[in-house]
N, C-alpha and C. Protein backbone atom coordinates (compact mmCIF):
# COMPACT_ATOMS: atom_id res chain seq x y z
N MET A 1 14.14 -26.62 89.68
CA MET A 1 13.11 -27.63 89.63
C MET A 1 11.98 -27.20 90.55
N GLY A 2 10.74 -27.19 90.03
CA GLY A 2 9.58 -26.80 90.82
C GLY A 2 9.10 -27.95 91.68
N ARG A 3 8.18 -27.62 92.55
CA ARG A 3 7.63 -28.69 93.39
C ARG A 3 6.65 -29.53 92.58
N PRO A 4 6.43 -30.76 92.99
CA PRO A 4 5.55 -31.65 92.23
C PRO A 4 4.11 -31.14 92.22
N LEU A 5 3.42 -31.40 91.12
CA LEU A 5 2.03 -30.97 91.00
C LEU A 5 1.12 -31.81 91.88
N LYS A 6 0.25 -31.14 92.61
CA LYS A 6 -0.75 -31.84 93.42
C LYS A 6 -1.86 -32.35 92.52
N TYR A 7 -2.11 -31.60 91.44
CA TYR A 7 -3.15 -31.95 90.49
C TYR A 7 -2.50 -32.36 89.17
N GLY A 8 -3.10 -33.28 88.48
CA GLY A 8 -2.57 -33.73 87.20
C GLY A 8 -2.72 -32.65 86.14
N ALA A 9 -1.90 -32.74 85.11
CA ALA A 9 -1.92 -31.75 84.03
C ALA A 9 -3.28 -31.74 83.33
N ARG A 10 -3.89 -32.88 83.26
CA ARG A 10 -5.20 -32.96 82.59
C ARG A 10 -6.26 -32.21 83.39
N PHE A 11 -6.24 -32.38 84.71
CA PHE A 11 -7.18 -31.66 85.57
C PHE A 11 -6.97 -30.16 85.45
N VAL A 12 -5.72 -29.74 85.45
CA VAL A 12 -5.40 -28.32 85.32
C VAL A 12 -5.95 -27.78 84.00
N ALA A 13 -5.68 -28.48 82.91
CA ALA A 13 -6.15 -28.04 81.60
C ALA A 13 -7.67 -27.98 81.55
N ASP A 14 -8.34 -28.97 82.14
CA ASP A 14 -9.81 -28.98 82.15
C ASP A 14 -10.36 -27.83 82.99
N ALA A 15 -9.73 -27.57 84.13
CA ALA A 15 -10.19 -26.48 84.99
C ALA A 15 -10.03 -25.13 84.30
N VAL A 16 -8.90 -24.94 83.64
CA VAL A 16 -8.67 -23.69 82.90
C VAL A 16 -9.69 -23.55 81.78
N ALA A 17 -9.95 -24.63 81.07
CA ALA A 17 -10.93 -24.59 79.99
C ALA A 17 -12.31 -24.26 80.53
N MET A 18 -12.64 -24.78 81.69
CA MET A 18 -13.95 -24.51 82.28
C MET A 18 -14.10 -23.02 82.58
N VAL A 19 -13.05 -22.40 83.11
CA VAL A 19 -13.10 -20.97 83.39
C VAL A 19 -13.24 -20.17 82.10
N GLN A 20 -12.42 -20.51 81.13
CA GLN A 20 -12.39 -19.75 79.88
C GLN A 20 -13.67 -19.91 79.07
N GLU A 21 -14.27 -21.08 79.10
CA GLU A 21 -15.42 -21.34 78.23
C GLU A 21 -16.76 -21.10 78.90
N SER A 22 -16.80 -21.17 80.23
CA SER A 22 -18.09 -21.02 80.90
C SER A 22 -18.44 -19.56 81.16
N GLY A 23 -17.44 -18.70 81.24
CA GLY A 23 -17.70 -17.30 81.53
C GLY A 23 -18.00 -17.05 83.00
N GLN A 24 -17.90 -18.07 83.83
CA GLN A 24 -18.14 -17.92 85.26
C GLN A 24 -16.89 -17.37 85.94
N PRO A 25 -17.08 -16.69 87.08
CA PRO A 25 -15.92 -16.20 87.83
C PRO A 25 -15.03 -17.35 88.29
N ILE A 26 -13.77 -17.07 88.40
CA ILE A 26 -12.80 -18.08 88.84
C ILE A 26 -13.18 -18.64 90.20
N ALA A 27 -13.62 -17.78 91.11
CA ALA A 27 -13.99 -18.23 92.45
C ALA A 27 -15.13 -19.26 92.40
N THR A 28 -16.10 -19.04 91.52
CA THR A 28 -17.24 -19.95 91.39
C THR A 28 -16.78 -21.31 90.88
N VAL A 29 -15.97 -21.30 89.84
CA VAL A 29 -15.47 -22.55 89.27
C VAL A 29 -14.60 -23.27 90.29
N ALA A 30 -13.74 -22.53 90.99
CA ALA A 30 -12.86 -23.14 91.99
C ALA A 30 -13.68 -23.79 93.10
N ARG A 31 -14.75 -23.14 93.54
CA ARG A 31 -15.61 -23.69 94.58
C ARG A 31 -16.25 -24.99 94.10
N ARG A 32 -16.72 -25.00 92.85
CA ARG A 32 -17.34 -26.21 92.30
C ARG A 32 -16.36 -27.37 92.21
N LEU A 33 -15.09 -27.04 91.95
CA LEU A 33 -14.08 -28.08 91.80
C LEU A 33 -13.41 -28.45 93.12
N GLY A 34 -13.65 -27.65 94.14
CA GLY A 34 -13.05 -27.92 95.45
C GLY A 34 -11.58 -27.58 95.53
N ILE A 35 -11.18 -26.53 94.81
CA ILE A 35 -9.78 -26.11 94.85
C ILE A 35 -9.70 -24.65 95.28
N ASN A 36 -8.52 -24.21 95.65
CA ASN A 36 -8.29 -22.83 96.06
C ASN A 36 -8.43 -21.90 94.85
N PRO A 37 -9.20 -20.82 95.00
CA PRO A 37 -9.39 -19.89 93.87
C PRO A 37 -8.08 -19.30 93.35
N GLU A 38 -7.13 -19.04 94.25
CA GLU A 38 -5.85 -18.46 93.81
C GLU A 38 -5.04 -19.46 93.00
N THR A 39 -5.17 -20.73 93.32
CA THR A 39 -4.50 -21.77 92.54
C THR A 39 -5.05 -21.77 91.12
N LEU A 40 -6.38 -21.74 91.02
CA LEU A 40 -7.01 -21.73 89.70
C LEU A 40 -6.66 -20.45 88.95
N ARG A 41 -6.64 -19.32 89.64
CA ARG A 41 -6.28 -18.04 89.01
C ARG A 41 -4.87 -18.10 88.43
N THR A 42 -3.96 -18.74 89.18
CA THR A 42 -2.58 -18.89 88.69
C THR A 42 -2.54 -19.73 87.43
N TRP A 43 -3.31 -20.82 87.41
CA TRP A 43 -3.35 -21.68 86.23
C TRP A 43 -3.89 -20.93 85.02
N VAL A 44 -4.95 -20.14 85.24
CA VAL A 44 -5.55 -19.39 84.13
C VAL A 44 -4.57 -18.36 83.60
N ARG A 45 -3.91 -17.65 84.50
CA ARG A 45 -2.92 -16.65 84.06
C ARG A 45 -1.78 -17.30 83.29
N LYS A 46 -1.34 -18.44 83.78
CA LYS A 46 -0.25 -19.15 83.10
C LYS A 46 -0.70 -19.58 81.71
N ALA A 47 -1.94 -20.08 81.61
CA ALA A 47 -2.46 -20.52 80.32
C ALA A 47 -2.59 -19.37 79.35
N GLU A 48 -2.91 -18.20 79.87
CA GLU A 48 -3.05 -17.02 79.02
C GLU A 48 -1.73 -16.31 78.79
N GLY A 49 -0.68 -16.76 79.47
CA GLY A 49 0.63 -16.15 79.31
C GLY A 49 0.75 -14.82 80.02
N ALA A 50 -0.16 -14.53 80.94
CA ALA A 50 -0.18 -13.23 81.62
C ALA A 50 0.86 -13.13 82.73
N ASP A 51 1.44 -14.23 83.13
CA ASP A 51 2.41 -14.18 84.23
C ASP A 51 3.85 -14.07 83.73
N GLY A 52 4.00 -13.90 82.45
CA GLY A 52 5.33 -13.74 81.88
C GLY A 52 6.04 -15.05 81.58
N SER A 53 5.39 -16.15 81.83
CA SER A 53 6.03 -17.43 81.54
C SER A 53 6.03 -17.68 80.04
N GLU A 54 7.00 -18.39 79.59
CA GLU A 54 7.10 -18.69 78.17
C GLU A 54 6.18 -19.82 77.78
N GLU A 55 5.96 -20.74 78.70
CA GLU A 55 5.15 -21.91 78.42
C GLU A 55 3.73 -21.72 78.92
N PRO A 56 2.75 -22.04 78.11
CA PRO A 56 1.38 -22.02 78.63
C PRO A 56 1.15 -23.21 79.54
N CYS A 57 0.02 -23.22 80.18
CA CYS A 57 -0.35 -24.33 81.07
C CYS A 57 -0.27 -25.63 80.28
N PRO A 58 0.34 -26.68 80.86
CA PRO A 58 0.49 -27.94 80.11
C PRO A 58 -0.86 -28.54 79.76
N ALA A 59 -1.05 -28.85 78.51
CA ALA A 59 -2.31 -29.44 78.06
C ALA A 59 -2.20 -30.95 77.93
N GLY A 60 -1.02 -31.43 77.71
CA GLY A 60 -0.83 -32.87 77.60
C GLY A 60 -1.17 -33.39 76.21
N PRO A 61 -0.88 -34.66 75.94
CA PRO A 61 -1.11 -35.24 74.63
C PRO A 61 -2.57 -35.44 74.28
N TRP A 62 -3.45 -35.40 75.27
CA TRP A 62 -4.88 -35.60 75.02
C TRP A 62 -5.59 -34.34 74.55
N ALA A 63 -4.91 -33.21 74.53
CA ALA A 63 -5.55 -31.94 74.16
C ALA A 63 -6.14 -32.01 72.75
N GLU A 64 -5.49 -32.73 71.88
CA GLU A 64 -5.98 -32.86 70.52
C GLU A 64 -7.20 -33.79 70.44
N GLU A 65 -7.31 -34.72 71.39
CA GLU A 65 -8.35 -35.73 71.34
C GLU A 65 -9.73 -35.19 71.70
N LEU A 66 -9.80 -34.25 72.64
CA LEU A 66 -11.09 -33.75 73.11
C LEU A 66 -11.31 -32.31 72.65
N ALA A 67 -12.51 -32.05 72.16
CA ALA A 67 -12.87 -30.69 71.81
C ALA A 67 -13.10 -29.92 73.10
N ALA A 68 -13.13 -28.60 73.00
CA ALA A 68 -13.29 -27.76 74.18
C ALA A 68 -14.59 -28.08 74.91
N ASP A 69 -15.67 -28.26 74.18
CA ASP A 69 -16.94 -28.56 74.83
C ASP A 69 -16.93 -29.94 75.49
N GLU A 70 -16.17 -30.87 74.92
CA GLU A 70 -16.05 -32.20 75.52
C GLU A 70 -15.26 -32.14 76.83
N ARG A 71 -14.18 -31.33 76.84
CA ARG A 71 -13.40 -31.16 78.07
C ARG A 71 -14.27 -30.54 79.16
N LEU A 72 -15.06 -29.55 78.78
CA LEU A 72 -15.94 -28.89 79.73
C LEU A 72 -16.97 -29.87 80.28
N GLU A 73 -17.55 -30.68 79.41
CA GLU A 73 -18.53 -31.68 79.83
C GLU A 73 -17.89 -32.72 80.74
N LEU A 74 -16.68 -33.16 80.41
CA LEU A 74 -15.98 -34.13 81.24
C LEU A 74 -15.73 -33.57 82.63
N LEU A 75 -15.30 -32.34 82.70
CA LEU A 75 -15.04 -31.71 83.98
C LEU A 75 -16.34 -31.55 84.77
N ARG A 76 -17.43 -31.17 84.09
CA ARG A 76 -18.73 -31.04 84.75
C ARG A 76 -19.19 -32.39 85.32
N LEU A 77 -19.00 -33.45 84.53
CA LEU A 77 -19.40 -34.78 84.98
C LEU A 77 -18.56 -35.26 86.16
N ARG A 78 -17.27 -34.96 86.15
CA ARG A 78 -16.41 -35.35 87.27
C ARG A 78 -16.84 -34.61 88.54
N THR A 79 -17.19 -33.34 88.39
CA THR A 79 -17.65 -32.56 89.54
C THR A 79 -18.97 -33.12 90.06
N GLU A 80 -19.89 -33.43 89.15
CA GLU A 80 -21.17 -34.00 89.55
C GLU A 80 -20.98 -35.35 90.24
N LEU A 81 -20.08 -36.16 89.74
CA LEU A 81 -19.80 -37.46 90.35
C LEU A 81 -19.28 -37.28 91.78
N ALA A 82 -18.40 -36.32 91.99
CA ALA A 82 -17.88 -36.06 93.33
C ALA A 82 -19.01 -35.66 94.28
N LEU A 83 -19.92 -34.81 93.80
CA LEU A 83 -21.05 -34.39 94.64
C LEU A 83 -21.97 -35.57 94.95
N LEU A 84 -22.22 -36.40 93.97
CA LEU A 84 -23.08 -37.58 94.20
C LEU A 84 -22.44 -38.55 95.18
N LYS A 85 -21.13 -38.70 95.13
CA LYS A 85 -20.44 -39.56 96.08
C LYS A 85 -20.58 -39.02 97.50
N GLU A 86 -20.48 -37.68 97.64
CA GLU A 86 -20.66 -37.07 98.95
C GLU A 86 -22.07 -37.32 99.48
N GLU A 87 -23.07 -37.15 98.61
CA GLU A 87 -24.45 -37.40 99.00
C GLU A 87 -24.66 -38.85 99.41
N ARG A 88 -24.10 -39.78 98.63
CA ARG A 88 -24.21 -41.20 98.94
C ARG A 88 -23.62 -41.49 100.32
N ASN A 89 -22.45 -40.93 100.59
CA ASN A 89 -21.80 -41.17 101.87
C ASN A 89 -22.63 -40.61 103.03
N ALA A 90 -23.26 -39.45 102.82
CA ALA A 90 -24.11 -38.87 103.86
C ALA A 90 -25.33 -39.76 104.11
N ILE A 91 -25.92 -40.29 103.06
CA ILE A 91 -27.07 -41.18 103.21
C ILE A 91 -26.67 -42.47 103.93
N LEU A 92 -25.55 -43.04 103.56
CA LEU A 92 -25.08 -44.27 104.22
C LEU A 92 -24.79 -44.01 105.70
N HIS A 93 -24.20 -42.87 105.99
CA HIS A 93 -23.91 -42.52 107.38
C HIS A 93 -25.21 -42.39 108.17
N ALA A 94 -26.21 -41.71 107.60
CA ALA A 94 -27.50 -41.54 108.27
C ALA A 94 -28.19 -42.88 108.48
N ALA A 95 -28.12 -43.76 107.48
CA ALA A 95 -28.73 -45.08 107.60
C ALA A 95 -28.04 -45.90 108.70
N ALA A 96 -26.74 -45.87 108.75
CA ALA A 96 -26.00 -46.60 109.78
C ALA A 96 -26.38 -46.08 111.16
N HIS A 97 -26.48 -44.77 111.29
CA HIS A 97 -26.87 -44.17 112.57
C HIS A 97 -28.28 -44.60 112.95
N TYR A 98 -29.21 -44.59 112.01
CA TYR A 98 -30.59 -44.97 112.26
C TYR A 98 -30.66 -46.42 112.77
N PHE A 99 -29.99 -47.31 112.07
CA PHE A 99 -30.06 -48.72 112.46
C PHE A 99 -29.33 -48.98 113.77
N ALA A 100 -28.28 -48.24 114.04
CA ALA A 100 -27.59 -48.38 115.32
C ALA A 100 -28.50 -47.94 116.46
N MET A 101 -29.27 -46.89 116.24
CA MET A 101 -30.19 -46.41 117.25
C MET A 101 -31.33 -47.41 117.48
N ARG A 102 -31.80 -48.04 116.43
CA ARG A 102 -32.87 -49.06 116.56
C ARG A 102 -32.37 -50.25 117.36
N VAL A 103 -31.17 -50.68 117.07
CA VAL A 103 -30.60 -51.83 117.79
C VAL A 103 -30.41 -51.46 119.25
N ALA A 104 -29.92 -50.26 119.52
CA ALA A 104 -29.72 -49.83 120.91
C ALA A 104 -31.04 -49.71 121.65
N ALA A 105 -32.10 -49.25 120.96
CA ALA A 105 -33.40 -49.09 121.60
C ALA A 105 -34.04 -50.43 121.93
N CYS A 106 -33.71 -51.45 121.17
CA CYS A 106 -34.29 -52.79 121.38
C CYS A 106 -33.42 -53.62 122.33
N GLY A 107 -32.42 -53.02 122.86
CA GLY A 107 -31.54 -53.75 123.78
C GLY A 107 -30.58 -54.68 123.06
N GLY A 108 -30.34 -54.43 121.78
CA GLY A 108 -29.40 -55.23 121.03
C GLY A 108 -29.96 -56.50 120.47
N GLU A 109 -31.26 -56.74 120.63
CA GLU A 109 -31.86 -57.96 120.12
C GLU A 109 -32.80 -57.63 118.97
N GLU A 110 -32.61 -58.30 117.86
CA GLU A 110 -33.53 -58.19 116.71
C GLU A 110 -33.44 -59.38 115.86
């Protein structure tokens, strides 16, 4: 019995599809997704059957529902959403710091 997956089968399948369909290096795709490049490389090899495993990377029951370009777009949108959330958090942090400094400069009265 293997250890439990940190990432869902759908994420794995989408990440592999992104590598295979985008033509970008594994390291670039892994960086965009925020995962270890060697982890992604292992998934790609498994999907291609290059590691000697009998089973390809699990695609799950949704593999039939989405076309390859749709999976790629979904993965791109999820990545973009994660980046936007990071930007939002940075802006909120900066705003909180700004207002805390204003309150401190006014002696706590406003």
